[in-house]
Amino acid sequence: MEIDIPKDEDERESFLASYAVYLANQKARALGLPRYYLKDGYLVEERNGKIKKLKRITKDDLYE
């Protein structure tokens, strides 16, 4: 698989950071490890394609 890395330094830095996150997510998914993220105001755990809402997160919770 060949990827096109942008020539502009700022674009390249942003692209490589997002690509690293993408690869980490793919590895976690392949190993069956859980992924945690915010979705629709909830802290969510995703494991093996199954999504589980863990806790409702509000703006106040983020700033504590």
PDB file of N, CA and C in Angstrom:
ATOM      1  N   MET A   1       0.842  -1.173   0.000  1.00  0.00           N
ATOM      2  CA  MET A   1       0.000   0.000   0.000  1.00  0.00           C
ATOM      3  C   MET A   1       0.893   1.244   0.000  1.00  0.00           C
ATOM      4  N   GLU A   2       0.631   2.135  -0.922  1.00  0.00           N
ATOM      5  CA  GLU A   2       1.418   3.351  -1.039  1.00  0.00           C
ATOM      6  C   GLU A   2       0.544   4.542  -0.681  1.00  0.00           C
ATOM      7  N   ILE A   3       1.082   5.439   0.132  1.00  0.00           N
ATOM      8  CA  ILE A   3       0.337   6.635   0.518  1.00  0.00           C
ATOM      9  C   ILE A   3       1.041   7.862  -0.034  1.00  0.00           C
ATOM     10  N   ASP A   4       0.247   8.870  -0.347  1.00  0.00           N
ATOM     11  CA  ASP A   4       0.788  10.138  -0.845  1.00  0.00           C
ATOM     12  C   ASP A   4       0.930  11.101   0.321  1.00  0.00           C
ATOM     13  N   ILE A   5       2.153  11.400   0.693  1.00  0.00           N
ATOM     14  CA  ILE A   5       2.422  12.327   1.795  1.00  0.00           C
ATOM     15  C   ILE A   5       2.506  13.730   1.224  1.00  0.00           C
ATOM     16  N   PRO A   6       1.745  14.676   1.790  1.00  0.00           N
ATOM     17  CA  PRO A   6       1.766  16.056   1.281  1.00  0.00           C
ATOM     18  C   PRO A   6       3.159  16.681   1.371  1.00  0.00           C
ATOM     19  N   LYS A   7       3.455  17.577   0.449  1.00  0.00           N
ATOM     20  CA  LYS A   7       4.755  18.255   0.411  1.00  0.00           C
ATOM     21  C   LYS A   7       4.845  19.390   1.428  1.00  0.00           C
ATOM     22  N   ASP A   8       3.732  20.097   1.638  1.00  0.00           N
ATOM     23  CA  ASP A   8       3.707  21.215   2.581  1.00  0.00           C
ATOM     24  C   ASP A   8       3.948  20.692   4.005  1.00  0.00           C
ATOM     25  N   GLU A   9       4.824  21.359   4.740  1.00  0.00           N
ATOM     26  CA  GLU A   9       5.237  20.881   6.071  1.00  0.00           C
ATOM     27  C   GLU A   9       4.061  20.782   7.045  1.00  0.00           C
ATOM     28  N   ASP A  10       3.196  21.800   7.078  1.00  0.00           N
ATOM     29  CA  ASP A  10       2.048  21.781   7.996  1.00  0.00           C
ATOM     30  C   ASP A  10       1.062  20.679   7.622  1.00  0.00           C
ATOM     31  N   GLU A  11       0.771  20.550   6.335  1.00  0.00           N
ATOM     32  CA  GLU A  11      -0.136  19.503   5.876  1.00  0.00           C
ATOM     33  C   GLU A  11       0.444  18.128   6.158  1.00  0.00           C
ATOM     34  N   ARG A  12       1.751  17.971   5.947  1.00  0.00           N
ATOM     35  CA  ARG A  12       2.415  16.694   6.173  1.00  0.00           C
ATOM     36  C   ARG A  12       2.338  16.296   7.647  1.00  0.00           C
ATOM     37  N   GLU A  13       2.593  17.270   8.538  1.00  0.00           N
ATOM     38  CA  GLU A  13       2.554  16.998   9.971  1.00  0.00           C
ATOM     39  C   GLU A  13       1.152  16.568  10.406  1.00  0.00           C
ATOM     40  N   SER A  14       0.140  17.262   9.918  1.00  0.00           N
ATOM     41  CA  SER A  14      -1.240  16.927  10.240  1.00  0.00           C
ATOM     42  C   SER A  14      -1.617  15.558   9.678  1.00  0.00           C
ATOM     43  N   PHE A  15      -1.226  15.300   8.433  1.00  0.00           N
ATOM     44  CA  PHE A  15      -1.535  14.029   7.784  1.00  0.00           C
ATOM     45  C   PHE A  15      -0.891  12.862   8.523  1.00  0.00           C
ATOM     46  N   LEU A  16       0.392  13.000   8.873  1.00  0.00           N
ATOM     47  CA  LEU A  16       1.095  11.911   9.545  1.00  0.00           C
ATOM     48  C   LEU A  16       0.512  11.630  10.925  1.00  0.00           C
ATOM     49  N   ALA A  17       0.088  12.667  11.628  1.00  0.00           N
ATOM     50  CA  ALA A  17      -0.533  12.470  12.937  1.00  0.00           C
ATOM     51  C   ALA A  17      -1.849  11.708  12.807  1.00  0.00           C
ATOM     52  N   SER A  18      -2.668  12.103  11.857  1.00  0.00           N
ATOM     53  CA  SER A  18      -3.953  11.411  11.683  1.00  0.00           C
ATOM     54  C   SER A  18      -3.750   9.997  11.155  1.00  0.00           C
ATOM     55  N   TYR A  19      -2.739   9.790  10.326  1.00  0.00           N
ATOM     56  CA  TYR A  19      -2.464   8.449   9.811  1.00  0.00           C
ATOM     57  C   TYR A  19      -1.955   7.533  10.925  1.00  0.00           C
ATOM     58  N   ALA A  20      -1.175   8.081  11.863  1.00  0.00           N
ATOM     59  CA  ALA A  20      -0.699   7.293  13.002  1.00  0.00           C
ATOM     60  C   ALA A  20      -1.875   6.847  13.871  1.00  0.00           C
ATOM     61  N   VAL A  21      -2.853   7.731  14.076  1.00  0.00           N
ATOM     62  CA  VAL A  21      -4.051   7.368  14.843  1.00  0.00           C
ATOM     63  C   VAL A  21      -4.828   6.286  14.106  1.00  0.00           C
ATOM     64  N   TYR A  22      -4.961   6.422  12.802  1.00  0.00           N
ATOM     65  CA  TYR A  22      -5.659   5.423  11.996  1.00  0.00           C
ATOM     66  C   TYR A  22      -4.997   4.046  12.135  1.00  0.00           C
ATOM     67  N   LEU A  23      -3.659   4.006  12.030  1.00  0.00           N
ATOM     68  CA  LEU A  23      -2.946   2.731  12.156  1.00  0.00           C
ATOM     69  C   LEU A  23      -3.088   2.136  13.554  1.00  0.00           C
ATOM     70  N   ALA A  24      -3.042   2.983  14.581  1.00  0.00           N
ATOM     71  CA  ALA A  24      -3.217   2.501  15.955  1.00  0.00           C
ATOM     72  C   ALA A  24      -4.610   1.911  16.151  1.00  0.00           C
ATOM     73  N   ASN A  25      -5.619   2.558  15.569  1.00  0.00           N
ATOM     74  CA  ASN A  25      -6.986   2.035  15.662  1.00  0.00           C
ATOM     75  C   ASN A  25      -7.114   0.696  14.954  1.00  0.00           C
ATOM     76  N   GLN A  26      -6.478   0.562  13.796  1.00  0.00           N
ATOM     77  CA  GLN A  26      -6.530  -0.700  13.061  1.00  0.00           C
ATOM     78  C   GLN A  26      -5.845  -1.818  13.844  1.00  0.00           C
ATOM     79  N   LYS A  27      -4.715  -1.512  14.462  1.00  0.00           N
ATOM     80  CA  LYS A  27      -3.990  -2.506  15.255  1.00  0.00           C
ATOM     81  C   LYS A  27      -4.825  -2.929  16.470  1.00  0.00           C
ATOM     82  N   ALA A  28      -5.417  -1.954  17.162  1.00  0.00           N
ATOM     83  CA  ALA A  28      -6.257  -2.259  18.320  1.00  0.00           C
ATOM     84  C   ALA A  28      -7.437  -3.128  17.919  1.00  0.00           C
ATOM     85  N   ARG A  29      -8.044  -2.808  16.798  1.00  0.00           N
ATOM     86  CA  ARG A  29      -9.177  -3.597  16.309  1.00  0.00           C
ATOM     87  C   ARG A  29      -8.748  -5.018  15.968  1.00  0.00           C
ATOM     88  N   ALA A  30      -7.589  -5.162  15.337  1.00  0.00           N
ATOM     89  CA  ALA A  30      -7.091  -6.489  14.965  1.00  0.00           C
ATOM     90  C   ALA A  30      -6.769  -7.337  16.194  1.00  0.00           C
ATOM     91  N   LEU A  31      -6.279  -6.695  17.252  1.00  0.00           N
ATOM     92  CA  LEU A  31      -5.937  -7.416  18.473  1.00  0.00           C
ATOM     93  C   LEU A  31      -7.132  -7.610  19.402  1.00  0.00           C
ATOM     94  N   GLY A  32      -8.267  -7.025  19.052  1.00  0.00           N
ATOM     95  CA  GLY A  32      -9.454  -7.145  19.888  1.00  0.00           C
ATOM     96  C   GLY A  32      -9.418  -6.262  21.113  1.00  0.00           C
ATOM     97  N   LEU A  33      -8.555  -5.255  21.110  1.00  0.00           N
ATOM     98  CA  LEU A  33      -8.447  -4.337  22.239  1.00  0.00           C
ATOM     99  C   LEU A  33      -9.562  -3.298  22.179  1.00  0.00           C
ATOM    100  N   PRO A  34      -9.992  -2.798  23.329  1.00  0.00           N
ATOM    101  CA  PRO A  34     -11.052  -1.784  23.314  1.00  0.00           C
ATOM    102  C   PRO A  34     -10.534  -0.429  22.860  1.00  0.00           C
ATOM    103  N   ARG A  35     -11.406   0.335  22.235  1.00  0.00           N
ATOM    104  CA  ARG A  35     -11.117   1.719  21.874  1.00  0.00           C
ATOM    105  C   ARG A  35     -12.106   2.584  22.626  1.00  0.00           C
ATOM    106  N   TYR A  36     -11.629   3.707  23.146  1.00  0.00           N
ATOM    107  CA  TYR A  36     -12.485   4.625  23.898  1.00  0.00           C
ATOM    108  C   TYR A  36     -12.515   5.969  23.191  1.00  0.00           C
ATOM    109  N   TYR A  37     -13.710   6.544  23.078  1.00  0.00           N
ATOM    110  CA  TYR A  37     -13.852   7.855  22.465  1.00  0.00           C
ATOM    111  C   TYR A  37     -15.192   8.463  22.854  1.00  0.00           C
ATOM    112  N   LEU A  38     -15.367   9.740  22.551  1.00  0.00           N
ATOM    113  CA  LEU A  38     -16.628  10.424  22.807  1.00  0.00           C
ATOM    114  C   LEU A  38     -17.506  10.355  21.568  1.00  0.00           C
ATOM    115  N   LYS A  39     -18.779  10.032  21.793  1.00  0.00           N
ATOM    116  CA  LYS A  39     -19.730   9.975  20.684  1.00  0.00           C
ATOM    117  C   LYS A  39     -21.106  10.369  21.216  1.00  0.00           C
ATOM    118  N   ASP A  40     -21.693  11.364  20.612  1.00  0.00           N
ATOM    119  CA  ASP A  40     -23.032  11.829  20.982  1.00  0.00           C
ATOM    120  C   ASP A  40     -23.155  12.135  22.473  1.00  0.00           C
ATOM    121  N   GLY A  41     -22.114  12.705  23.071  1.00  0.00           N
ATOM    122  CA  GLY A  41     -22.154  13.101  24.466  1.00  0.00           C
ATOM    123  C   GLY A  41     -21.890  11.976  25.460  1.00  0.00           C
ATOM    124  N   TYR A  42     -21.468  10.818  24.982  1.00  0.00           N
ATOM    125  CA  TYR A  42     -21.177   9.681  25.849  1.00  0.00           C
ATOM    126  C   TYR A  42     -19.731   9.230  25.674  1.00  0.00           C
ATOM    127  N   LEU A  43     -19.139   8.759  26.776  1.00  0.00           N
ATOM    128  CA  LEU A  43     -17.874   8.042  26.687  1.00  0.00           C
ATOM    129  C   LEU A  43     -18.241   6.647  26.219  1.00  0.00           C
ATOM    130  N   VAL A  44     -17.642   6.202  25.124  1.00  0.00           N
ATOM    131  CA  VAL A  44     -18.012   4.955  24.471  1.00  0.00           C
ATOM    132  C   VAL A  44     -16.828   4.001  24.461  1.00  0.00           C
ATOM    133  N   GLU A  45     -17.117   2.722  24.696  1.00  0.00           N
ATOM    134  CA  GLU A  45     -16.115   1.666  24.545  1.00  0.00           C
ATOM    135  C   GLU A  45     -16.520   0.832  23.340  1.00  0.00           C
ATOM    136  N   GLU A  46     -15.581   0.648  22.411  1.00  0.00           N
ATOM    137  CA  GLU A  46     -15.838  -0.198  21.246  1.00  0.00           C
ATOM    138  C   GLU A  46     -14.869  -1.361  21.299  1.00  0.00           C
ATOM    139  N   ARG A  47     -15.429  -2.568  21.275  1.00  0.00           N
ATOM    140  CA  ARG A  47     -14.598  -3.768  21.311  1.00  0.00           C
ATOM    141  C   ARG A  47     -15.209  -4.773  20.337  1.00  0.00           C
ATOM    142  N   ASN A  48     -14.393  -5.211  19.392  1.00  0.00           N
ATOM    143  CA  ASN A  48     -14.832  -6.190  18.388  1.00  0.00           C
ATOM    144  C   ASN A  48     -16.100  -5.747  17.663  1.00  0.00           C
ATOM    145  N   GLY A  49     -16.180  -4.456  17.375  1.00  0.00           N
ATOM    146  CA  GLY A  49     -17.308  -3.919  16.629  1.00  0.00           C
ATOM    147  C   GLY A  49     -18.548  -3.660  17.465  1.00  0.00           C
ATOM    148  N   LYS A  50     -18.528  -4.013  18.743  1.00  0.00           N
ATOM    149  CA  LYS A  50     -19.668  -3.779  19.624  1.00  0.00           C
ATOM    150  C   LYS A  50     -19.433  -2.492  20.410  1.00  0.00           C
ATOM    151  N   ILE A  51     -20.436  -1.614  20.411  1.00  0.00           N
ATOM    152  CA  ILE A  51     -20.320  -0.319  21.067  1.00  0.00           C
ATOM    153  C   ILE A  51     -21.109  -0.334  22.371  1.00  0.00           C
ATOM    154  N   LYS A  52     -20.476   0.144  23.425  1.00  0.00           N
ATOM    155  CA  LYS A  52     -21.095   0.188  24.752  1.00  0.00           C
ATOM    156  C   LYS A  52     -20.941   1.602  25.314  1.00  0.00           C
ATOM    157  N   LYS A  53     -22.071   2.249  25.620  1.00  0.00           N
ATOM    158  CA  LYS A  53     -22.033   3.580  26.225  1.00  0.00           C
ATOM    159  C   LYS A  53     -21.670   3.425  27.692  1.00  0.00           C
ATOM    160  N   LEU A  54     -20.599   4.096  28.127  1.00  0.00           N
ATOM    161  CA  LEU A  54     -20.138   3.960  29.501  1.00  0.00           C
ATOM    162  C   LEU A  54     -20.684   5.040  30.417  1.00  0.00           C
ATOM    163  N   LYS A  55     -20.622   6.300  29.980  1.00  0.00           N
ATOM    164  CA  LYS A  55     -21.014   7.402  30.856  1.00  0.00           C
ATOM    165  C   LYS A  55     -21.379   8.619  30.031  1.00  0.00           C
ATOM    166  N   ARG A  56     -22.389   9.318  30.471  1.00  0.00           N
ATOM    167  CA  ARG A  56     -22.769  10.591  29.842  1.00  0.00           C
ATOM    168  C   ARG A  56     -21.734  11.639  30.233  1.00  0.00           C
ATOM    169  N   ILE A  57     -21.203  12.353  29.268  1.00  0.00           N
ATOM    170  CA  ILE A  57     -20.191  13.375  29.496  1.00  0.00           C
ATOM    171  C   ILE A  57     -20.789  14.730  29.132  1.00  0.00           C
ATOM    172  N   THR A  58     -20.669  15.692  30.053  1.00  0.00           N
ATOM    173  CA  THR A  58     -21.135  17.054  29.792  1.00  0.00           C
ATOM    174  C   THR A  58     -19.928  17.975  29.700  1.00  0.00           C
ATOM    175  N   LYS A  59     -20.155  19.206  29.298  1.00  0.00           N
ATOM    176  CA  LYS A  59     -19.044  20.174  29.214  1.00  0.00           C
ATOM    177  C   LYS A  59     -18.427  20.379  30.588  1.00  0.00           C
ATOM    178  N   ASP A  60     -19.230  20.383  31.632  1.00  0.00           N
ATOM    179  CA  ASP A  60     -18.702  20.571  32.986  1.00  0.00           C
ATOM    180  C   ASP A  60     -17.743  19.435  33.363  1.00  0.00           C
ATOM    181  N   ASP A  61     -18.055  18.217  32.966  1.00  0.00           N
ATOM    182  CA  ASP A  61     -17.175  17.072  33.255  1.00  0.00           C
ATOM    183  C   ASP A  61     -15.832  17.215  32.566  1.00  0.00           C
ATOM    184  N   LEU A  62     -15.819  17.795  31.386  1.00  0.00           N
ATOM    185  CA  LEU A  62     -14.579  17.934  30.634  1.00  0.00           C
ATOM    186  C   LEU A  62     -13.655  18.971  31.259  1.00  0.00           C
ATOM    187  N   TYR A  63     -14.205  19.951  31.955  1.00  0.00           N
ATOM    188  CA  TYR A  63     -13.399  21.031  32.506  1.00  0.00           C
ATOM    189  C   TYR A  63     -13.032  20.849  33.977  1.00  0.00           C
ATOM    190  N   GLU A  64     -13.454  19.739  34.573  1.00  0.00           N
ATOM    191  CA  GLU A  64     -13.117  19.475  35.986  1.00  0.00           C
ATOM    192  C   GLU A  64     -11.727  18.931  36.125  1.00  0.00           C
TER     193      GLU A  64
END
